[in-house]
C-alpha atoms as a PDB file:
ATOM      1  CA  MET A   1      -4.826 -51.229 -31.328  1.00  0.00           C
ATOM      2  CA  SER A   2      -3.294 -53.950 -29.177  1.00  0.00           C
ATOM      3  CA  GLY A   3      -2.083 -52.917 -25.742  1.00  0.00           C
ATOM      4  CA  PRO A   4       1.492 -53.072 -24.515  1.00  0.00           C
ATOM      5  CA  GLN A   5       2.783 -55.774 -22.217  1.00  0.00           C
ATOM      6  CA  THR A   6       1.715 -55.454 -18.592  1.00  0.00           C
ATOM      7  CA  ARG A   7       5.135 -55.990 -17.029  1.00  0.00           C
ATOM      8  CA  GLY A   8       7.512 -53.369 -15.744  1.00  0.00           C
ATOM      9  CA  SER A   9      10.888 -53.028 -14.030  1.00  0.00           C
ATOM     10  CA  CYS A  10      11.569 -51.775 -10.508  1.00  0.00           C
ATOM     11  CA  VAL A  11      13.719 -48.644 -10.896  1.00  0.00           C
ATOM     12  CA  PHE A  12      15.667 -49.545  -7.748  1.00  0.00           C
ATOM     13  CA  CYS A  13      16.815 -53.110  -8.510  1.00  0.00           C
ATOM     14  CA  GLY A  14      15.854 -53.561 -12.159  1.00  0.00           C
ATOM     15  CA  ARG A  15      13.860 -56.749 -11.584  1.00  0.00           C
ATOM     16  CA  GLU A  16      10.830 -57.217 -13.817  1.00  0.00           C
ATOM     17  CA  PHE A  17       7.351 -57.975 -12.520  1.00  0.00           C
ATOM     18  CA  ALA A  18       3.716 -57.819 -13.550  1.00  0.00           C
ATOM     19  CA  LYS A  19       1.772 -54.792 -12.305  1.00  0.00           C
ATOM     20  CA  GLY A  20       0.440 -56.583  -9.212  1.00  0.00           C
ATOM     21  CA  GLY A  21       3.817 -58.142  -8.535  1.00  0.00           C
ATOM     22  CA  LEU A  22       5.370 -54.691  -8.351  1.00  0.00           C
ATOM     23  CA  SER A  23       2.836 -53.704  -5.680  1.00  0.00           C
ATOM     24  CA  ARG A  24       4.128 -56.607  -3.579  1.00  0.00           C
ATOM     25  CA  HIS A  25       7.803 -56.199  -4.465  1.00  0.00           C
ATOM     26  CA  LEU A  26       8.324 -52.482  -3.918  1.00  0.00           C
ATOM     27  CA  PRO A  27       7.634 -52.422  -0.125  1.00  0.00           C
ATOM     28  CA  THR A  28      10.373 -55.017   0.484  1.00  0.00           C
ATOM     29  CA  CYS A  29      12.891 -54.227  -2.273  1.00  0.00           C
ATOM     30  CA  PRO A  30      16.342 -54.046  -0.601  1.00  0.00           C
ATOM     31  CA  LYS A  31      17.559 -51.465  -3.116  1.00  0.00           C
ATOM     32  CA  ARG A  32      14.548 -49.271  -2.405  1.00  0.00           C
ATOM     33  CA  GLN A  33      15.271 -49.524   1.308  1.00  0.00           C
ATOM     34  CA  GLU A  34      18.845 -48.420   0.624  1.00  0.00           C
ATOM     35  CA  ALA A  35      17.531 -45.432  -1.361  1.00  0.00           C
ATOM     36  CA  GLN A  36      15.199 -44.530   1.517  1.00  0.00           C
ATOM     37  CA  ALA A  37      18.080 -44.657   4.005  1.00  0.00           C
ATOM     38  CA  THR A  38      20.112 -42.352   1.750  1.00  0.00           C
ATOM     39  CA  ALA A  39      17.179 -39.936   1.491  1.00  0.00           C
ATOM     40  CA  ASP A  40      16.667 -39.983   5.259  1.00  0.00           C
ATOM     41  CA  ALA A  41      20.227 -38.690   5.675  1.00  0.00           C
ATOM     42  CA  THR A  42      19.414 -35.536   3.687  1.00  0.00           C
ATOM     43  CA  LYS A  43      17.959 -32.272   4.974  1.00  0.00           C
ATOM     44  CA  ARG A  44      14.635 -32.822   3.203  1.00  0.00           C
ATOM     45  CA  GLN A  45      11.535 -32.521   5.345  1.00  0.00           C
ATOM     46  CA  ARG A  46      10.188 -35.722   6.847  1.00  0.00           C
ATOM     47  CA  GLN A  47       6.556 -36.358   5.922  1.00  0.00           C
ATOM     48  CA  THR A  48       4.010 -38.977   4.895  1.00  0.00           C
ATOM     49  CA  LEU A  49       4.813 -40.472   1.481  1.00  0.00           C
ATOM     50  CA  TYR A  50       2.199 -42.288  -0.576  1.00  0.00           C
ATOM     51  CA  HIS A  51       2.680 -45.224  -2.941  1.00  0.00           C
ATOM     52  CA  LEU A  52       0.287 -44.731  -5.871  1.00  0.00           C
ATOM     53  CA  GLN A  53      -0.599 -47.047  -8.738  1.00  0.00           C
ATOM     54  CA  ALA A  54      -2.018 -45.273 -11.796  1.00  0.00           C
ATOM     55  CA  GLN A  55      -3.399 -47.063 -14.836  1.00  0.00           C
ATOM     56  CA  ASP A  56      -5.536 -46.628 -17.912  1.00  0.00           C
ATOM     57  CA  ALA A  57      -9.182 -46.898 -16.828  1.00  0.00           C
ATOM     58  CA  TRP A  58     -10.018 -48.986 -19.902  1.00  0.00           C
ATOM     59  CA  GLY A  59      -7.791 -51.893 -18.951  1.00  0.00           C
ATOM     60  CA  ALA A  60      -4.903 -51.499 -21.372  1.00  0.00           C
ATOM     61  CA  GLY A  61      -1.480 -52.377 -20.042  1.00  0.00           C
ATOM     62  CA  TYR A  62      -0.272 -48.878 -19.184  1.00  0.00           C
ATOM     63  CA  PHE A  63       0.623 -48.385 -15.520  1.00  0.00           C
ATOM     64  CA  LEU A  64       2.802 -46.331 -13.185  1.00  0.00           C
ATOM     65  CA  HIS A  65       3.982 -46.923  -9.623  1.00  0.00           C
ATOM     66  CA  LEU A  66       4.726 -43.584  -7.973  1.00  0.00           C
ATOM     67  CA  GLU A  67       5.758 -42.253  -4.583  1.00  0.00           C
ATOM     68  CA  MET A  68       4.204 -38.868  -3.801  1.00  0.00           C
ATOM     69  CA  ARG A  69       4.899 -36.364  -1.041  1.00  0.00           C
ATOM     70  CA  GLY A  70       2.026 -35.821   1.360  1.00  0.00           C
ATOM     71  CA  LYS A  71       2.705 -32.087   1.326  1.00  0.00           C
ATOM     72  CA  ALA A  72       2.275 -31.989  -2.454  1.00  0.00           C
ATOM     73  CA  THR A  73      -1.078 -31.069  -3.989  1.00  0.00           C
ATOM     74  CA  LEU A  74      -3.461 -32.691  -6.428  1.00  0.00           C
ATOM     75  CA  LYS A  75      -2.205 -30.107  -8.919  1.00  0.00           C
ATOM     76  CA  ASP A  76       1.282 -31.639  -8.625  1.00  0.00           C
ATOM     77  CA  LEU A  77      -0.194 -35.025  -9.503  1.00  0.00           C
ATOM     78  CA  ASP A  78      -2.147 -33.510 -12.402  1.00  0.00           C
ATOM     79  CA  GLU A  79       1.013 -31.918 -13.796  1.00  0.00           C
ATOM     80  CA  TYR A  80       2.958 -35.157 -13.438  1.00  0.00           C
ATOM     81  CA  LEU A  81       0.340 -37.234 -15.260  1.00  0.00           C
ATOM     82  CA  ARG A  82       0.237 -34.656 -18.032  1.00  0.00           C
ATOM     83  CA  ALA A  83       4.022 -34.700 -18.419  1.00  0.00           C
ATOM     84  CA  ILE A  84       4.552 -38.449 -18.439  1.00  0.00           C
ATOM     85  CA  TRP A  85       1.350 -39.576 -20.186  1.00  0.00           C
ATOM     86  CA  LEU A  86      -1.173 -37.041 -21.432  1.00  0.00           C
ATOM     87  CA  GLU A  87      -0.354 -33.433 -22.310  1.00  0.00           C
ATOM     88  CA  CYS A  88      -1.101 -32.481 -25.905  1.00  0.00           C
ATOM     89  CA  CYS A  89      -3.090 -29.248 -26.179  1.00  0.00           C
ATOM     90  CA  GLY A  90      -3.496 -27.794 -22.680  1.00  0.00           C
ATOM     91  CA  HIS A  91      -6.891 -29.416 -22.053  1.00  0.00           C
ATOM     92  CA  LEU A  92      -8.850 -29.187 -18.802  1.00  0.00           C
ATOM     93  CA  SER A  93      -8.718 -32.022 -16.282  1.00  0.00           C
ATOM     94  CA  SER A  94     -10.269 -33.144 -13.008  1.00  0.00           C
ATOM     95  CA  PHE A  95     -10.035 -35.722 -10.229  1.00  0.00           C
ATOM     96  CA  LYS A  96     -13.020 -37.404  -8.640  1.00  0.00           C
ATOM     97  CA  ILE A  97     -12.468 -38.672  -5.099  1.00  0.00           C
ATOM     98  CA  ALA A  98     -15.233 -40.140  -2.910  1.00  0.00           C
ATOM     99  CA  GLY A  99     -17.870 -38.334  -4.957  1.00  0.00           C
ATOM    100  CA  ALA A 100     -16.122 -34.943  -4.846  1.00  0.00           C
ATOM    101  CA  ARG A 101     -14.641 -33.310  -7.954  1.00  0.00           C
ATOM    102  CA  TYR A 102     -11.374 -31.387  -7.914  1.00  0.00           C
ATOM    103  CA  ASP A 103     -10.784 -29.095 -10.893  1.00  0.00           C
ATOM    104  CA  ASN A 104      -7.682 -27.481 -12.367  1.00  0.00           C
ATOM    105  CA  THR A 105      -9.437 -24.204 -13.185  1.00  0.00           C
ATOM    106  CA  ALA A 106     -12.121 -22.083 -11.538  1.00  0.00           C
ATOM    107  CA  GLY A 107     -15.567 -22.046 -13.057  1.00  0.00           C
ATOM    108  CA  LEU A 108     -15.198 -25.366 -14.845  1.00  0.00           C
ATOM    109  CA  TRP A 109     -18.513 -26.662 -13.555  1.00  0.00           C
ATOM    110  CA  GLY A 110     -20.358 -23.383 -13.024  1.00  0.00           C
ATOM    111  CA  GLU A 111     -22.283 -23.222  -9.765  1.00  0.00           C
ATOM    112  CA  ASN A 112     -21.298 -26.808  -8.946  1.00  0.00           C
ATOM    113  CA  GLU A 113     -17.583 -26.352  -9.461  1.00  0.00           C
ATOM    114  CA  GLY A 114     -15.299 -28.354  -7.200  1.00  0.00           C
ATOM    115  CA  PRO A 115     -12.281 -27.226  -5.153  1.00  0.00           C
ATOM    116  CA  LEU A 116      -9.196 -26.277  -7.125  1.00  0.00           C
ATOM    117  CA  MET A 117      -6.478 -28.921  -7.288  1.00  0.00           C
ATOM    118  CA  ASN A 118      -3.756 -26.566  -6.101  1.00  0.00           C
ATOM    119  CA  ALA A 119      -5.641 -25.930  -2.845  1.00  0.00           C
ATOM    120  CA  VAL A 120      -5.702 -29.581  -1.758  1.00  0.00           C
ATOM    121  CA  LYS A 121      -2.692 -31.270  -0.156  1.00  0.00           C
ATOM    122  CA  VAL A 122      -2.895 -34.992  -0.740  1.00  0.00           C
ATOM    123  CA  SER A 123      -2.190 -35.774   2.932  1.00  0.00           C
ATOM    124  CA  SER A 124      -5.631 -34.349   3.720  1.00  0.00           C
ATOM    125  CA  ILE A 125      -7.442 -36.955   1.617  1.00  0.00           C
ATOM    126  CA  PHE A 126      -5.105 -39.857   0.765  1.00  0.00           C
ATOM    127  CA  GLN A 127      -5.062 -43.074   2.760  1.00  0.00           C
ATOM    128  CA  PRO A 128      -4.168 -46.664   1.798  1.00  0.00           C
ATOM    129  CA  GLY A 129      -6.977 -48.307  -0.153  1.00  0.00           C
ATOM    130  CA  LEU A 130      -8.393 -45.045  -1.519  1.00  0.00           C
ATOM    131  CA  GLU A 131      -9.281 -45.150  -5.216  1.00  0.00           C
ATOM    132  CA  LEU A 132      -9.729 -42.051  -7.342  1.00  0.00           C
ATOM    133  CA  SER A 133     -10.482 -41.337 -10.980  1.00  0.00           C
ATOM    134  CA  TYR A 134      -8.916 -38.738 -13.259  1.00  0.00           C
ATOM    135  CA  GLU A 135      -9.944 -37.285 -16.608  1.00  0.00           C
ATOM    136  CA  TYR A 136      -7.870 -35.274 -19.050  1.00  0.00           C
ATOM    137  CA  ASP A 137      -9.635 -33.513 -21.955  1.00  0.00           C
ATOM    138  CA  PHE A 138     -13.434 -33.463 -21.868  1.00  0.00           C
ATOM    139  CA  GLY A 139     -13.722 -33.926 -25.625  1.00  0.00           C
ATOM    140  CA  THR A 140     -11.377 -36.773 -26.529  1.00  0.00           C
ATOM    141  CA  THR A 141     -11.117 -37.949 -22.950  1.00  0.00           C
ATOM    142  CA  SER A 142      -8.312 -39.964 -21.376  1.00  0.00           C
ATOM    143  CA  GLU A 143      -9.488 -41.670 -18.198  1.00  0.00           C
ATOM    144  CA  LEU A 144      -7.228 -43.025 -15.472  1.00  0.00           C
ATOM    145  CA  THR A 145      -7.770 -44.832 -12.194  1.00  0.00           C
ATOM    146  CA  ILE A 146      -5.378 -44.259  -9.317  1.00  0.00           C
ATOM    147  CA  LYS A 147      -5.112 -46.301  -6.133  1.00  0.00           C
ATOM    148  CA  VAL A 148      -3.261 -45.455  -2.937  1.00  0.00           C
ATOM    149  CA  ILE A 149      -1.361 -48.693  -2.283  1.00  0.00           C
ATOM    150  CA  ALA A 150       0.466 -47.762   0.915  1.00  0.00           C
ATOM    151  CA  ALA A 151       1.885 -44.923   3.006  1.00  0.00           C
ATOM    152  CA  ARG A 152       5.148 -44.524   4.908  1.00  0.00           C
ATOM    153  CA  GLU A 153       6.857 -41.872   7.012  1.00  0.00           C
ATOM    154  CA  GLY A 154      10.214 -40.656   5.751  1.00  0.00           C
ATOM    155  CA  LYS A 155      12.079 -38.175   3.609  1.00  0.00           C
ATOM    156  CA  PRO A 156      11.336 -37.928  -0.136  1.00  0.00           C
ATOM    157  CA  LEU A 157      13.573 -39.808  -2.551  1.00  0.00           C
ATOM    158  CA  SER A 158      14.192 -36.708  -4.694  1.00  0.00           C
ATOM    159  CA  GLU A 159      13.633 -32.970  -4.820  1.00  0.00           C
ATOM    160  CA  HIS A 160      10.511 -33.485  -6.939  1.00  0.00           C
ATOM    161  CA  PRO A 161       6.970 -33.933  -5.535  1.00  0.00           C
ATOM    162  CA  ILE A 162       6.628 -37.342  -7.214  1.00  0.00           C
ATOM    163  CA  PHE A 163       9.171 -40.139  -7.747  1.00  0.00           C
ATOM    164  CA  LEU A 164       8.732 -42.809 -10.435  1.00  0.00           C
ATOM    165  CA  MET A 165       9.257 -46.304  -8.960  1.00  0.00           C
ATOM    166  CA  ALA A 166       8.098 -48.405 -11.918  1.00  0.00           C
ATOM    167  CA  ARG A 167       6.423 -48.083 -15.309  1.00  0.00           C
ATOM    168  CA  ASN A 168       5.018 -50.623 -17.721  1.00  0.00           C
ATOM    169  CA  LYS A 169       7.470 -51.977 -20.264  1.00  0.00           C
ATOM    170  CA  PHE A 170       6.464 -50.935 -23.762  1.00  0.00           C
ATOM    171  CA  GLU A 171       6.446 -53.743 -26.312  1.00  0.00           C
ATOM    172  CA  PRO A 172       5.518 -52.420 -29.784  1.00  0.00           C
ATOM    173  CA  PRO A 173       2.781 -54.374 -31.549  1.00  0.00           C
ATOM    174  CA  ALA A 174       3.384 -55.890 -34.963  1.00  0.00           C
ATOM    175  CA  CYS A 175       2.974 -53.833 -38.115  1.00  0.00           C
ATOM    176  CA  SER A 176      -0.444 -54.580 -39.635  1.00  0.00           C
ATOM    177  CA  VAL A 177       1.189 -54.988 -43.061  1.00  0.00           C
ATOM    178  CA  CYS A 178       4.459 -56.852 -42.558  1.00  0.00           C
ATOM    179  CA  GLY A 179       4.664 -57.929 -38.918  1.00  0.00           C
ATOM    180  CA  ALA A 180       7.757 -55.874 -38.056  1.00  0.00           C
ATOM    181  CA  PRO A 181       7.688 -53.815 -34.810  1.00  0.00           C
ATOM    182  CA  ALA A 182       5.240 -50.937 -35.303  1.00  0.00           C
ATOM    183  CA  THR A 183       6.214 -47.340 -34.540  1.00  0.00           C
ATOM    184  CA  TRP A 184       3.117 -45.520 -35.872  1.00  0.00           C
ATOM    185  CA  LEU A 185      -0.656 -45.855 -35.961  1.00  0.00           C
ATOM    186  CA  CYS A 186      -3.352 -44.400 -38.180  1.00  0.00           C
ATOM    187  CA  SER A 187      -6.038 -42.576 -36.208  1.00  0.00           C
ATOM    188  CA  GLU A 188      -8.292 -42.396 -39.292  1.00  0.00           C
ATOM    189  CA  CYS A 189      -8.398 -46.184 -39.612  1.00  0.00           C
ATOM    190  CA  MET A 190      -8.758 -46.737 -35.881  1.00  0.00           C
ATOM    191  CA  TYR A 191     -11.475 -44.253 -35.009  1.00  0.00           C
ATOM    192  CA  HIS A 192     -13.370 -43.700 -38.246  1.00  0.00           C
ATOM    193  CA  GLU A 193     -13.044 -47.028 -40.035  1.00  0.00           C
ATOM    194  CA  ASP A 194     -12.756 -49.179 -36.895  1.00  0.00           C
ATOM    195  CA  GLU A 195      -9.764 -51.051 -38.261  1.00  0.00           C
ATOM    196  CA  LYS A 196      -6.560 -52.015 -36.534  1.00  0.00           C
ATOM    197  CA  CYS A 197      -3.758 -50.066 -38.190  1.00  0.00           C
ATOM    198  CA  GLU A 198      -0.303 -50.114 -36.600  1.00  0.00           C
ATOM    199  CA  LEU A 199       2.591 -49.510 -38.963  1.00  0.00           C
ATOM    200  CA  CYS A 200       6.372 -49.753 -39.167  1.00  0.00           C
ATOM    201  CA  ASP A 201       8.388 -46.801 -40.491  1.00  0.00           C
ATOM    202  CA  GLU A 202       8.329 -48.094 -44.066  1.00  0.00           C
ATOM    203  CA  HIS A 203       4.603 -48.759 -44.291  1.00  0.00           C
ATOM    204  CA  ALA A 204       3.665 -45.560 -42.448  1.00  0.00           C
ATOM    205  CA  GLN A 205       5.244 -43.605 -45.289  1.00  0.00           C
ATOM    206  CA  GLU A 206       3.156 -45.518 -47.827  1.00  0.00           C
ATOM    207  CA  HIS A 207      -0.139 -45.406 -45.927  1.00  0.00           C
ATOM    208  CA  GLU A 208      -3.179 -43.901 -47.677  1.00  0.00           C
ATOM    209  CA  HIS A 209      -3.985 -41.682 -44.662  1.00  0.00           C
ATOM    210  CA  GLU A 210      -0.430 -40.424 -44.251  1.00  0.00           C
ATOM    211  CA  GLU A 211      -1.579 -37.132 -42.702  1.00  0.00           C
ATOM    212  CA  MET A 212      -3.387 -39.040 -39.927  1.00  0.00           C
ATOM    213  CA  VAL A 213      -0.442 -41.236 -38.935  1.00  0.00           C
ATOM    214  CA  MET A 214       0.712 -40.632 -35.340  1.00  0.00           C
ATOM    215  CA  ALA A 215       3.624 -41.858 -33.248  1.00  0.00           C
ATOM    216  CA  LEU A 216       3.021 -45.046 -31.262  1.00  0.00           C
ATOM    217  CA  VAL A 217       4.289 -44.273 -27.743  1.00  0.00           C
ATOM    218  CA  ASN A 218       4.140 -45.638 -24.203  1.00  0.00           C
ATOM    219  CA  SER A 219       1.010 -43.795 -23.091  1.00  0.00           C
ATOM    220  CA  PRO A 220      -2.745 -44.442 -22.837  1.00  0.00           C
ATOM    221  CA  ARG A 221      -3.220 -41.266 -24.921  1.00  0.00           C
ATOM    222  CA  THR A 222      -1.497 -42.753 -27.962  1.00  0.00           C
ATOM    223  CA  GLY A 223      -3.467 -41.874 -31.098  1.00  0.00           C
ATOM    224  CA  MET A 224      -5.713 -39.329 -29.363  1.00  0.00           C
ATOM    225  CA  CYS A 225      -6.010 -35.632 -30.244  1.00  0.00           C
ATOM    226  CA  GLY A 226      -2.552 -34.164 -30.910  1.00  0.00           C
ATOM    227  CA  TYR A 227      -0.581 -36.349 -28.508  1.00  0.00           C
ATOM    228  CA  ASP A 228       2.947 -37.139 -29.700  1.00  0.00           C
ATOM    229  CA  GLY A 229       4.652 -38.497 -26.590  1.00  0.00           C
ATOM    230  CA  PRO A 230       5.790 -37.670 -23.038  1.00  0.00           C
ATOM    231  CA  ALA A 231       7.910 -34.764 -21.919  1.00  0.00           C
ATOM    232  CA  GLU A 232      11.580 -35.352 -21.202  1.00  0.00           C
ATOM    233  CA  PRO A 233      12.305 -36.433 -17.606  1.00  0.00           C
ATOM    234  CA  PRO A 234      12.609 -35.466 -14.858  1.00  0.00           C
ATOM    235  CA  TYR A 235       8.883 -34.954 -14.619  1.00  0.00           C
END
């Protein structure tokens, strides 16, 4: 399967940039600064806010730029990533940060189990430059890398623990049969026959593995397990 384009739009001003360009643009975006001033006039609690960049660990063009409350927990981040990118069947997940593992359920690793995600506020471990890894589903595993780009002091931009600042723009690949924009993929062809198989609506209906055809969506979990797309926002 070919990956989506690696450009995305700033949610504040609408300008489009590559992933790295967004990292440079967001700290100075005038519209973001206006949104921060509006938030600072609210009664929300002032705290450290972290700019995170999350991406598919395998290099495909899926990425998110997020702002997260310091008083939120790793469990909040886990739930957000599930909602926007990953959740299909209630699988287990974990973060790994500086050699330590943080689990979402007790007893996951037996005697060597790590701290629970909901017990760890991110302000206790996050700092600019920190890189962490995340896994969802220990059978058909989705792997992400997350980097703390920057931190600022202020009031959160919304009532939610995490605010979406940018996301990769999804450009559907061409149908393997006719070249039209694809909306489906065949997991049987991809994972068992090692063949590229992305299909438009018409050719998905005619495909020999019709029962294995899955929706092509803007997520690194596309085509894996029972994943059929993100939850409805707000996340």
